Amino acid sequence: FFFLMIRRPPRSTQSRSSAASDVYKRQQQVRSGLKTTGSLGGVMKESMQIAYTYAKSFLYNKLNNQFLERNEVHIHAPEGAIPKDGPSAGLAITSALVSLALQRPIKQNVAMTGEISLRGKALKIGGVKEKILAAKREGIKEVILPTSNKDNLMDLPEYIREGIQYHFVEDYDQVFKILFPDTQ
């Protein structure tokens, strides 16, 4: 699990003490960016940074949304959690950031896996069987996978694949259409 927090610059500086004014000035200098903390390995931190960079570009260029340009986002993985160090959360992190910026929830009962490139391509991941079994166990009805993992899914027995609708995607534009069907 991850926690997302945003920090917006304060709106007014009237009637602030000198110390508060200094804090305000420091916050004004850090207008946007990504901060990651917690139980994360190097690969996961890199994956988060790529997801953030792509989400910021996607929002600005496709939706004219400047939320990530103007706010700092802090993603925290609690220390008590299992250390996360796999490159398969890029699509999910990008989607969480887009959801935050749009202030719209992601479509319910959808799971996704896949790394994201700086150009928004959905990249192949490992552990498809384990991820599908986890999705089934949690009652997930739809799963988004990179197209490059289609053969991995088809290699699984039918009893593991059944009961879930699969979406194979090449890039984040396709993911966005699945998760936010009413947004253009």
N, C-alpha and C. Protein backbone atom coordinates (compact mmCIF):
# COMPACT_ATOMS: atom_id res chain seq x y z
N PHE A 1 0.82 -1.18 0.00
CA PHE A 1 0.00 0.00 0.00
C PHE A 1 0.86 1.24 0.00
N PHE A 2 0.37 2.28 -0.63
CA PHE A 2 1.06 3.56 -0.68
C PHE A 2 0.13 4.64 -0.18
N PHE A 3 0.68 5.67 0.37
CA PHE A 3 -0.07 6.84 0.76
C PHE A 3 0.39 8.00 -0.10
N LEU A 4 -0.55 8.76 -0.63
CA LEU A 4 -0.22 9.94 -1.43
C LEU A 4 -0.59 11.18 -0.63
N MET A 5 0.27 12.16 -0.63
CA MET A 5 -0.01 13.42 0.04
C MET A 5 0.40 14.54 -0.91
N ILE A 6 -0.35 15.62 -0.89
CA ILE A 6 0.03 16.77 -1.71
C ILE A 6 0.32 17.95 -0.80
N ARG A 7 1.22 18.78 -1.25
CA ARG A 7 1.53 20.02 -0.54
C ARG A 7 1.32 21.15 -1.52
N ARG A 8 0.36 22.01 -1.16
CA ARG A 8 0.08 23.19 -1.98
C ARG A 8 0.70 24.40 -1.31
N PRO A 9 1.18 25.35 -2.10
CA PRO A 9 1.70 26.59 -1.51
C PRO A 9 0.58 27.32 -0.77
N PRO A 10 0.87 27.93 0.37
CA PRO A 10 -0.15 28.71 1.08
C PRO A 10 -0.67 29.84 0.20
N ARG A 11 -1.93 30.24 0.44
CA ARG A 11 -2.57 31.25 -0.40
C ARG A 11 -2.25 32.68 0.01
N SER A 12 -2.07 32.92 1.29
CA SER A 12 -1.88 34.29 1.73
C SER A 12 -0.76 34.37 2.76
N THR A 13 -0.05 35.49 2.76
CA THR A 13 1.03 35.67 3.73
C THR A 13 0.71 36.76 4.73
N GLN A 14 -0.50 37.30 4.70
CA GLN A 14 -0.86 38.37 5.61
C GLN A 14 -0.85 37.88 7.05
N SER A 15 -0.39 38.74 7.93
CA SER A 15 -0.33 38.52 9.38
C SER A 15 0.38 37.24 9.78
N ARG A 16 1.50 36.96 9.17
CA ARG A 16 2.31 35.81 9.55
C ARG A 16 3.50 36.30 10.36
N SER A 17 3.90 35.47 11.30
CA SER A 17 5.10 35.82 12.06
C SER A 17 6.32 35.68 11.17
N SER A 18 7.45 36.15 11.64
CA SER A 18 8.69 36.06 10.87
C SER A 18 9.05 34.61 10.59
N ALA A 19 8.91 33.74 11.60
CA ALA A 19 9.25 32.32 11.42
C ALA A 19 8.31 31.69 10.40
N ALA A 20 7.02 31.99 10.49
CA ALA A 20 6.06 31.44 9.54
C ALA A 20 6.34 31.97 8.14
N SER A 21 6.76 33.21 8.07
CA SER A 21 7.10 33.79 6.77
C SER A 21 8.28 33.08 6.13
N ASP A 22 9.28 32.70 6.95
CA ASP A 22 10.43 31.95 6.45
C ASP A 22 10.00 30.58 5.91
N VAL A 23 9.10 29.91 6.63
CA VAL A 23 8.58 28.61 6.18
C VAL A 23 7.85 28.80 4.85
N TYR A 24 7.05 29.85 4.77
CA TYR A 24 6.32 30.13 3.53
C TYR A 24 7.28 30.32 2.36
N LYS A 25 8.34 31.07 2.57
CA LYS A 25 9.31 31.31 1.50
C LYS A 25 9.95 30.00 1.04
N ARG A 26 10.27 29.12 1.99
CA ARG A 26 10.86 27.82 1.62
C ARG A 26 9.85 27.00 0.82
N GLN A 27 8.59 27.01 1.24
CA GLN A 27 7.57 26.25 0.52
C GLN A 27 7.37 26.81 -0.89
N GLN A 28 7.46 28.12 -1.03
CA GLN A 28 7.30 28.73 -2.34
C GLN A 28 8.41 28.29 -3.29
N GLN A 29 9.60 28.03 -2.75
CA GLN A 29 10.72 27.60 -3.58
C GLN A 29 10.51 26.18 -4.10
N VAL A 30 9.82 25.34 -3.35
CA VAL A 30 9.53 23.96 -3.76
C VAL A 30 8.07 23.91 -4.17
N ARG A 31 7.80 24.29 -5.40
CA ARG A 31 6.42 24.37 -5.87
C ARG A 31 5.88 23.03 -6.35
N SER A 32 6.74 22.22 -6.92
CA SER A 32 6.27 20.94 -7.43
C SER A 32 7.39 19.93 -7.31
N GLY A 33 7.03 18.70 -7.44
CA GLY A 33 8.02 17.64 -7.38
C GLY A 33 7.45 16.39 -6.75
N LEU A 34 8.28 15.38 -6.68
CA LEU A 34 7.90 14.11 -6.10
C LEU A 34 8.85 13.78 -4.97
N LYS A 35 8.29 13.39 -3.85
CA LYS A 35 9.08 12.93 -2.71
C LYS A 35 8.61 11.52 -2.39
N THR A 36 9.56 10.59 -2.24
CA THR A 36 9.22 9.21 -1.89
C THR A 36 9.91 8.85 -0.59
N THR A 37 9.20 8.17 0.28
CA THR A 37 9.76 7.71 1.55
C THR A 37 9.21 6.33 1.87
N GLY A 38 9.86 5.69 2.82
CA GLY A 38 9.37 4.41 3.31
C GLY A 38 10.16 3.23 2.79
N SER A 39 9.50 2.11 2.75
CA SER A 39 10.10 0.83 2.45
C SER A 39 10.17 0.60 0.94
N LEU A 40 11.07 1.34 0.28
CA LEU A 40 11.19 1.28 -1.17
C LEU A 40 12.62 0.99 -1.58
N GLY A 41 12.78 0.09 -2.52
CA GLY A 41 14.11 -0.17 -3.07
C GLY A 41 14.42 0.81 -4.19
N GLY A 42 15.62 0.77 -4.69
CA GLY A 42 16.07 1.68 -5.74
C GLY A 42 15.26 1.56 -7.02
N VAL A 43 14.93 0.34 -7.41
CA VAL A 43 14.16 0.14 -8.66
C VAL A 43 12.77 0.76 -8.52
N MET A 44 12.16 0.60 -7.34
CA MET A 44 10.82 1.15 -7.13
C MET A 44 10.86 2.67 -7.10
N LYS A 45 11.87 3.26 -6.50
CA LYS A 45 11.99 4.72 -6.49
C LYS A 45 12.13 5.25 -7.92
N GLU A 46 12.93 4.55 -8.71
CA GLU A 46 13.09 4.95 -10.12
C GLU A 46 11.78 4.81 -10.87
N SER A 47 11.05 3.74 -10.63
CA SER A 47 9.76 3.51 -11.26
C SER A 47 8.78 4.63 -10.91
N MET A 48 8.79 5.04 -9.64
CA MET A 48 7.91 6.13 -9.21
C MET A 48 8.28 7.44 -9.90
N GLN A 49 9.56 7.70 -10.04
CA GLN A 49 10.00 8.94 -10.69
C GLN A 49 9.60 8.96 -12.16
N ILE A 50 9.74 7.82 -12.84
CA ILE A 50 9.33 7.74 -14.24
C ILE A 50 7.82 7.92 -14.36
N ALA A 51 7.06 7.28 -13.48
CA ALA A 51 5.60 7.41 -13.49
C ALA A 51 5.19 8.87 -13.26
N TYR A 52 5.86 9.53 -12.32
CA TYR A 52 5.56 10.93 -12.03
C TYR A 52 5.86 11.82 -13.25
N THR A 53 7.02 11.61 -13.85
CA THR A 53 7.42 12.41 -15.01
C THR A 53 6.43 12.22 -16.15
N TYR A 54 6.04 10.96 -16.40
CA TYR A 54 5.09 10.72 -17.48
C TYR A 54 3.71 11.29 -17.14
N ALA A 55 3.24 11.10 -15.90
CA ALA A 55 1.93 11.60 -15.51
C ALA A 55 1.86 13.12 -15.67
N LYS A 56 2.93 13.81 -15.28
CA LYS A 56 2.97 15.27 -15.41
C LYS A 56 2.85 15.68 -16.88
N SER A 57 3.58 15.00 -17.74
CA SER A 57 3.54 15.29 -19.17
C SER A 57 2.16 14.96 -19.75
N PHE A 58 1.62 13.80 -19.40
CA PHE A 58 0.31 13.36 -19.90
C PHE A 58 -0.77 14.37 -19.52
N LEU A 59 -0.78 14.75 -18.25
CA LEU A 59 -1.79 15.68 -17.77
C LEU A 59 -1.70 17.02 -18.48
N TYR A 60 -0.50 17.52 -18.62
CA TYR A 60 -0.31 18.84 -19.23
C TYR A 60 -0.62 18.82 -20.73
N ASN A 61 -0.08 17.84 -21.43
CA ASN A 61 -0.20 17.80 -22.89
C ASN A 61 -1.54 17.29 -23.39
N LYS A 62 -2.15 16.35 -22.69
CA LYS A 62 -3.39 15.74 -23.19
C LYS A 62 -4.65 16.33 -22.54
N LEU A 63 -4.52 16.81 -21.29
CA LEU A 63 -5.71 17.27 -20.57
C LEU A 63 -5.61 18.73 -20.12
N ASN A 64 -4.53 19.39 -20.48
CA ASN A 64 -4.30 20.78 -20.07
C ASN A 64 -4.46 20.95 -18.55
N ASN A 65 -3.94 20.00 -17.80
CA ASN A 65 -4.02 20.00 -16.34
C ASN A 65 -2.62 20.25 -15.78
N GLN A 66 -2.48 21.27 -14.95
CA GLN A 66 -1.18 21.64 -14.41
C GLN A 66 -1.00 21.28 -12.94
N PHE A 67 -1.83 20.40 -12.44
CA PHE A 67 -1.78 20.05 -11.02
C PHE A 67 -0.38 19.61 -10.57
N LEU A 68 0.24 18.70 -11.30
CA LEU A 68 1.56 18.21 -10.90
C LEU A 68 2.65 19.25 -11.16
N GLU A 69 2.37 20.22 -12.00
CA GLU A 69 3.31 21.32 -12.23
C GLU A 69 3.35 22.26 -11.02
N ARG A 70 2.25 22.29 -10.27
CA ARG A 70 2.08 23.30 -9.22
C ARG A 70 2.07 22.75 -7.80
N ASN A 71 2.12 21.43 -7.63
CA ASN A 71 2.02 20.84 -6.31
C ASN A 71 3.11 19.80 -6.09
N GLU A 72 3.54 19.70 -4.86
CA GLU A 72 4.47 18.64 -4.48
C GLU A 72 3.66 17.41 -4.07
N VAL A 73 4.07 16.26 -4.53
CA VAL A 73 3.41 15.00 -4.18
C VAL A 73 4.38 14.16 -3.37
N HIS A 74 3.89 13.60 -2.29
CA HIS A 74 4.70 12.76 -1.41
C HIS A 74 4.06 11.38 -1.40
N ILE A 75 4.81 10.36 -1.84
CA ILE A 75 4.33 8.98 -1.81
C ILE A 75 5.11 8.24 -0.73
N HIS A 76 4.37 7.61 0.18
CA HIS A 76 5.01 6.91 1.29
C HIS A 76 4.57 5.45 1.32
N ALA A 77 5.54 4.55 1.43
CA ALA A 77 5.27 3.12 1.65
C ALA A 77 5.68 2.84 3.10
N PRO A 78 4.73 2.50 3.96
CA PRO A 78 5.04 2.32 5.39
C PRO A 78 6.20 1.35 5.62
N GLU A 79 7.02 1.66 6.61
CA GLU A 79 8.20 0.84 6.93
C GLU A 79 7.83 -0.59 7.29
N GLY A 80 6.66 -0.78 7.88
CA GLY A 80 6.24 -2.13 8.27
C GLY A 80 5.83 -2.99 7.10
N ALA A 81 5.68 -2.39 5.96
CA ALA A 81 5.24 -3.12 4.78
C ALA A 81 6.39 -3.93 4.19
N ILE A 82 6.05 -4.85 3.34
CA ILE A 82 7.06 -5.64 2.63
C ILE A 82 7.82 -4.69 1.72
N PRO A 83 9.15 -4.73 1.72
CA PRO A 83 9.91 -3.84 0.83
C PRO A 83 9.49 -4.04 -0.62
N LYS A 84 9.30 -2.93 -1.33
CA LYS A 84 8.86 -2.98 -2.71
C LYS A 84 10.03 -2.61 -3.61
N ASP A 85 10.39 -3.52 -4.49
CA ASP A 85 11.51 -3.22 -5.38
C ASP A 85 11.35 -3.85 -6.74
N GLY A 86 10.12 -3.95 -7.22
CA GLY A 86 9.93 -4.52 -8.54
C GLY A 86 9.45 -3.47 -9.53
N PRO A 87 9.86 -3.57 -10.78
CA PRO A 87 9.46 -2.58 -11.78
C PRO A 87 8.15 -2.94 -12.46
N SER A 88 7.06 -3.11 -11.69
CA SER A 88 5.80 -3.45 -12.34
C SER A 88 4.65 -2.58 -11.86
N ALA A 89 4.94 -1.49 -11.20
CA ALA A 89 3.89 -0.63 -10.67
C ALA A 89 3.74 0.69 -11.42
N GLY A 90 4.47 0.88 -12.48
CA GLY A 90 4.46 2.16 -13.19
C GLY A 90 3.09 2.59 -13.68
N LEU A 91 2.33 1.66 -14.28
CA LEU A 91 0.99 2.02 -14.76
C LEU A 91 0.08 2.39 -13.60
N ALA A 92 0.18 1.66 -12.50
CA ALA A 92 -0.67 1.93 -11.33
C ALA A 92 -0.31 3.26 -10.67
N ILE A 93 0.97 3.54 -10.54
CA ILE A 93 1.39 4.80 -9.92
C ILE A 93 0.99 5.98 -10.82
N THR A 94 1.20 5.84 -12.10
CA THR A 94 0.78 6.89 -13.04
C THR A 94 -0.71 7.13 -12.90
N SER A 95 -1.49 6.07 -12.83
CA SER A 95 -2.95 6.19 -12.71
C SER A 95 -3.35 6.85 -11.40
N ALA A 96 -2.67 6.53 -10.31
CA ALA A 96 -2.97 7.17 -9.03
C ALA A 96 -2.68 8.67 -9.10
N LEU A 97 -1.58 9.05 -9.73
CA LEU A 97 -1.22 10.46 -9.86
C LEU A 97 -2.22 11.20 -10.76
N VAL A 98 -2.65 10.57 -11.84
CA VAL A 98 -3.63 11.18 -12.73
C VAL A 98 -4.96 11.34 -11.99
N SER A 99 -5.36 10.32 -11.25
CA SER A 99 -6.58 10.39 -10.45
C SER A 99 -6.53 11.53 -9.45
N LEU A 100 -5.40 11.68 -8.79
CA LEU A 100 -5.21 12.76 -7.83
C LEU A 100 -5.34 14.12 -8.51
N ALA A 101 -4.69 14.28 -9.64
CA ALA A 101 -4.70 15.56 -10.35
C ALA A 101 -6.09 15.90 -10.88
N LEU A 102 -6.82 14.90 -11.34
CA LEU A 102 -8.16 15.13 -11.88
C LEU A 102 -9.23 15.20 -10.80
N GLN A 103 -8.86 14.78 -9.60
CA GLN A 103 -9.80 14.68 -8.47
C GLN A 103 -10.98 13.80 -8.85
N ARG A 104 -10.64 12.68 -9.50
CA ARG A 104 -11.64 11.70 -9.92
C ARG A 104 -11.14 10.32 -9.54
N PRO A 105 -11.99 9.49 -8.97
CA PRO A 105 -11.55 8.14 -8.62
C PRO A 105 -11.36 7.27 -9.86
N ILE A 106 -10.50 6.30 -9.71
CA ILE A 106 -10.27 5.30 -10.76
C ILE A 106 -11.45 4.33 -10.74
N LYS A 107 -11.79 3.80 -11.89
CA LYS A 107 -12.84 2.78 -12.01
C LYS A 107 -12.60 1.67 -11.00
N GLN A 108 -13.65 1.23 -10.32
CA GLN A 108 -13.54 0.24 -9.26
C GLN A 108 -13.36 -1.19 -9.80
N ASN A 109 -12.79 -2.05 -8.97
CA ASN A 109 -12.58 -3.47 -9.27
C ASN A 109 -11.70 -3.72 -10.49
N VAL A 110 -10.75 -2.82 -10.71
CA VAL A 110 -9.78 -2.98 -11.79
C VAL A 110 -8.39 -3.04 -11.16
N ALA A 111 -7.63 -4.05 -11.54
CA ALA A 111 -6.24 -4.15 -11.12
C ALA A 111 -5.38 -3.95 -12.36
N MET A 112 -4.14 -3.51 -12.14
CA MET A 112 -3.26 -3.32 -13.28
C MET A 112 -1.84 -3.62 -12.87
N THR A 113 -1.08 -4.04 -13.85
CA THR A 113 0.34 -4.24 -13.64
C THR A 113 1.04 -3.88 -14.94
N GLY A 114 2.26 -3.45 -14.82
CA GLY A 114 3.03 -3.07 -15.99
C GLY A 114 3.88 -1.86 -15.69
N GLU A 115 5.07 -1.87 -16.20
CA GLU A 115 5.95 -0.73 -16.03
C GLU A 115 5.61 0.27 -17.13
N ILE A 116 6.00 1.52 -16.93
CA ILE A 116 5.73 2.57 -17.92
C ILE A 116 7.06 3.20 -18.34
N SER A 117 7.15 3.51 -19.61
CA SER A 117 8.35 4.19 -20.12
C SER A 117 8.14 5.70 -20.04
N LEU A 118 9.18 6.45 -20.28
CA LEU A 118 9.07 7.90 -20.28
C LEU A 118 8.17 8.42 -21.39
N ARG A 119 7.91 7.59 -22.38
CA ARG A 119 7.01 7.96 -23.47
C ARG A 119 5.62 7.35 -23.31
N GLY A 120 5.37 6.70 -22.16
CA GLY A 120 4.04 6.16 -21.88
C GLY A 120 3.77 4.77 -22.39
N LYS A 121 4.79 4.06 -22.85
CA LYS A 121 4.60 2.69 -23.31
C LYS A 121 4.44 1.75 -22.12
N ALA A 122 3.55 0.78 -22.24
CA ALA A 122 3.36 -0.25 -21.21
C ALA A 122 4.38 -1.35 -21.45
N LEU A 123 5.26 -1.55 -20.48
CA LEU A 123 6.36 -2.50 -20.63
C LEU A 123 6.09 -3.82 -19.92
N LYS A 124 6.62 -4.88 -20.48
CA LYS A 124 6.44 -6.24 -19.98
C LYS A 124 6.94 -6.38 -18.54
N ILE A 125 6.23 -7.22 -17.78
CA ILE A 125 6.58 -7.48 -16.39
C ILE A 125 6.66 -9.00 -16.14
N GLY A 126 7.13 -9.37 -14.99
CA GLY A 126 7.18 -10.79 -14.60
C GLY A 126 6.11 -11.08 -13.55
N GLY A 127 5.97 -12.36 -13.22
CA GLY A 127 5.06 -12.76 -12.16
C GLY A 127 3.59 -12.66 -12.50
N VAL A 128 3.23 -12.88 -13.75
CA VAL A 128 1.83 -12.74 -14.18
C VAL A 128 0.93 -13.71 -13.41
N LYS A 129 1.33 -14.97 -13.28
CA LYS A 129 0.50 -15.96 -12.60
C LYS A 129 0.18 -15.52 -11.17
N GLU A 130 1.18 -15.09 -10.44
CA GLU A 130 0.98 -14.69 -9.06
C GLU A 130 0.06 -13.47 -8.96
N LYS A 131 0.20 -12.56 -9.90
CA LYS A 131 -0.62 -11.35 -9.87
C LYS A 131 -2.07 -11.65 -10.23
N ILE A 132 -2.29 -12.56 -11.16
CA ILE A 132 -3.67 -12.95 -11.52
C ILE A 132 -4.32 -13.70 -10.36
N LEU A 133 -3.57 -14.58 -9.72
CA LEU A 133 -4.12 -15.30 -8.56
C LEU A 133 -4.48 -14.33 -7.44
N ALA A 134 -3.65 -13.35 -7.19
CA ALA A 134 -3.94 -12.34 -6.17
C ALA A 134 -5.19 -11.54 -6.54
N ALA A 135 -5.33 -11.18 -7.81
CA ALA A 135 -6.51 -10.44 -8.26
C ALA A 135 -7.78 -11.26 -8.06
N LYS A 136 -7.72 -12.55 -8.41
CA LYS A 136 -8.88 -13.43 -8.21
C LYS A 136 -9.23 -13.54 -6.74
N ARG A 137 -8.22 -13.70 -5.91
CA ARG A 137 -8.43 -13.83 -4.47
C ARG A 137 -9.12 -12.58 -3.90
N GLU A 138 -8.83 -11.42 -4.46
CA GLU A 138 -9.41 -10.16 -3.98
C GLU A 138 -10.72 -9.79 -4.67
N GLY A 139 -11.20 -10.64 -5.57
CA GLY A 139 -12.48 -10.39 -6.23
C GLY A 139 -12.42 -9.36 -7.35
N ILE A 140 -11.25 -9.16 -7.91
CA ILE A 140 -11.08 -8.21 -9.01
C ILE A 140 -11.76 -8.76 -10.26
N LYS A 141 -12.48 -7.88 -10.98
CA LYS A 141 -13.22 -8.29 -12.17
C LYS A 141 -12.52 -7.95 -13.48
N GLU A 142 -11.61 -6.99 -13.45
CA GLU A 142 -10.89 -6.58 -14.66
C GLU A 142 -9.41 -6.41 -14.32
N VAL A 143 -8.55 -6.82 -15.25
CA VAL A 143 -7.11 -6.68 -15.07
C VAL A 143 -6.52 -6.07 -16.34
N ILE A 144 -5.67 -5.06 -16.13
CA ILE A 144 -4.96 -4.42 -17.23
C ILE A 144 -3.53 -4.96 -17.25
N LEU A 145 -3.11 -5.47 -18.40
CA LEU A 145 -1.77 -6.03 -18.58
C LEU A 145 -1.13 -5.45 -19.85
N PRO A 146 0.19 -5.34 -19.88
CA PRO A 146 0.84 -4.96 -21.13
C PRO A 146 0.58 -6.02 -22.20
N THR A 147 0.40 -5.60 -23.43
CA THR A 147 0.19 -6.53 -24.54
C THR A 147 1.33 -7.55 -24.62
N SER A 148 2.52 -7.12 -24.27
CA SER A 148 3.69 -8.01 -24.33
C SER A 148 3.61 -9.15 -23.32
N ASN A 149 2.64 -9.11 -22.40
CA ASN A 149 2.45 -10.20 -21.44
C ASN A 149 1.29 -11.12 -21.81
N LYS A 150 0.70 -10.93 -22.98
CA LYS A 150 -0.45 -11.75 -23.38
C LYS A 150 -0.11 -13.24 -23.42
N ASP A 151 1.06 -13.58 -23.95
CA ASP A 151 1.46 -14.99 -24.01
C ASP A 151 1.61 -15.59 -22.61
N ASN A 152 2.12 -14.79 -21.65
CA ASN A 152 2.24 -15.28 -20.28
C ASN A 152 0.88 -15.62 -19.69
N LEU A 153 -0.12 -14.80 -20.00
CA LEU A 153 -1.47 -15.07 -19.50
C LEU A 153 -2.05 -16.30 -20.18
N MET A 154 -1.89 -16.41 -21.48
CA MET A 154 -2.46 -17.54 -22.22
C MET A 154 -1.81 -18.88 -21.84
N ASP A 155 -0.60 -18.83 -21.29
CA ASP A 155 0.06 -20.05 -20.82
C ASP A 155 -0.54 -20.58 -19.53
N LEU A 156 -1.32 -19.77 -18.84
CA LEU A 156 -1.94 -20.19 -17.58
C LEU A 156 -3.16 -21.07 -17.85
N PRO A 157 -3.45 -22.01 -16.96
CA PRO A 157 -4.64 -22.85 -17.13
C PRO A 157 -5.92 -22.00 -17.13
N GLU A 158 -6.92 -22.46 -17.83
CA GLU A 158 -8.19 -21.75 -17.95
C GLU A 158 -8.82 -21.44 -16.59
N TYR A 159 -8.71 -22.38 -15.63
CA TYR A 159 -9.35 -22.16 -14.33
C TYR A 159 -8.72 -20.97 -13.59
N ILE A 160 -7.51 -20.62 -13.92
CA ILE A 160 -6.89 -19.43 -13.31
C ILE A 160 -7.34 -18.17 -14.04
N ARG A 161 -7.46 -18.23 -15.36
CA ARG A 161 -7.83 -17.05 -16.16
C ARG A 161 -9.30 -16.70 -16.08
N GLU A 162 -10.17 -17.69 -15.86
CA GLU A 162 -11.61 -17.46 -15.96
C GLU A 162 -12.12 -16.50 -14.87
N GLY A 163 -13.21 -15.81 -15.23
CA GLY A 163 -13.87 -14.91 -14.28
C GLY A 163 -13.31 -13.49 -14.25
N ILE A 164 -12.34 -13.21 -15.08
CA ILE A 164 -11.73 -11.88 -15.14
C ILE A 164 -11.73 -11.41 -16.58
N GLN A 165 -12.07 -10.15 -16.77
CA GLN A 165 -11.95 -9.53 -18.10
C GLN A 165 -10.56 -8.92 -18.19
N TYR A 166 -9.85 -9.23 -19.27
CA TYR A 166 -8.48 -8.75 -19.45
C TYR A 166 -8.43 -7.66 -20.51
N HIS A 167 -7.65 -6.63 -20.22
CA HIS A 167 -7.39 -5.55 -21.16
C HIS A 167 -5.89 -5.55 -21.43
N PHE A 168 -5.51 -5.71 -22.68
CA PHE A 168 -4.10 -5.66 -23.06
C PHE A 168 -3.82 -4.29 -23.67
N VAL A 169 -2.81 -3.64 -23.13
CA VAL A 169 -2.53 -2.26 -23.54
C VAL A 169 -1.10 -2.11 -24.04
N GLU A 170 -0.96 -1.20 -24.99
CA GLU A 170 0.35 -0.84 -25.54
C GLU A 170 0.92 0.40 -24.85
N ASP A 171 0.01 1.30 -24.45
CA ASP A 171 0.47 2.57 -23.90
C ASP A 171 -0.54 3.11 -22.88
N TYR A 172 -0.14 4.22 -22.21
CA TYR A 172 -0.97 4.75 -21.15
C TYR A 172 -2.29 5.35 -21.66
N ASP A 173 -2.34 5.83 -22.88
CA ASP A 173 -3.60 6.36 -23.42
C ASP A 173 -4.70 5.30 -23.31
N GLN A 174 -4.36 4.06 -23.60
CA GLN A 174 -5.34 2.97 -23.52
C GLN A 174 -5.75 2.71 -22.07
N VAL A 175 -4.80 2.78 -21.15
CA VAL A 175 -5.10 2.60 -19.73
C VAL A 175 -6.06 3.68 -19.28
N PHE A 176 -5.77 4.92 -19.65
CA PHE A 176 -6.61 6.05 -19.26
C PHE A 176 -8.05 5.86 -19.73
N LYS A 177 -8.25 5.40 -20.95
CA LYS A 177 -9.61 5.21 -21.48
C LYS A 177 -10.38 4.15 -20.69
N ILE A 178 -9.67 3.15 -20.18
CA ILE A 178 -10.31 2.10 -19.38
C ILE A 178 -10.67 2.62 -18.00
N LEU A 179 -9.76 3.34 -17.37
CA LEU A 179 -9.95 3.77 -15.98
C LEU A 179 -10.83 5.00 -15.84
N PHE A 180 -10.82 5.86 -16.84
CA PHE A 180 -11.60 7.11 -16.79
C PHE A 180 -12.45 7.22 -18.06
N PRO A 181 -13.42 6.33 -18.22
CA PRO A 181 -14.14 6.27 -19.50
C PRO A 181 -14.93 7.54 -19.84
N ASP A 182 -15.29 8.35 -18.86
CA ASP A 182 -16.08 9.55 -19.11
C ASP A 182 -15.24 10.81 -19.25
N THR A 183 -13.92 10.68 -19.23
CA THR A 183 -13.04 11.85 -19.32
C THR A 183 -12.39 11.88 -20.69
N GLN A 184 -12.32 13.07 -21.27
CA GLN A 184 -11.68 13.20 -22.58
C GLN A 184 -10.48 14.08 -22.47
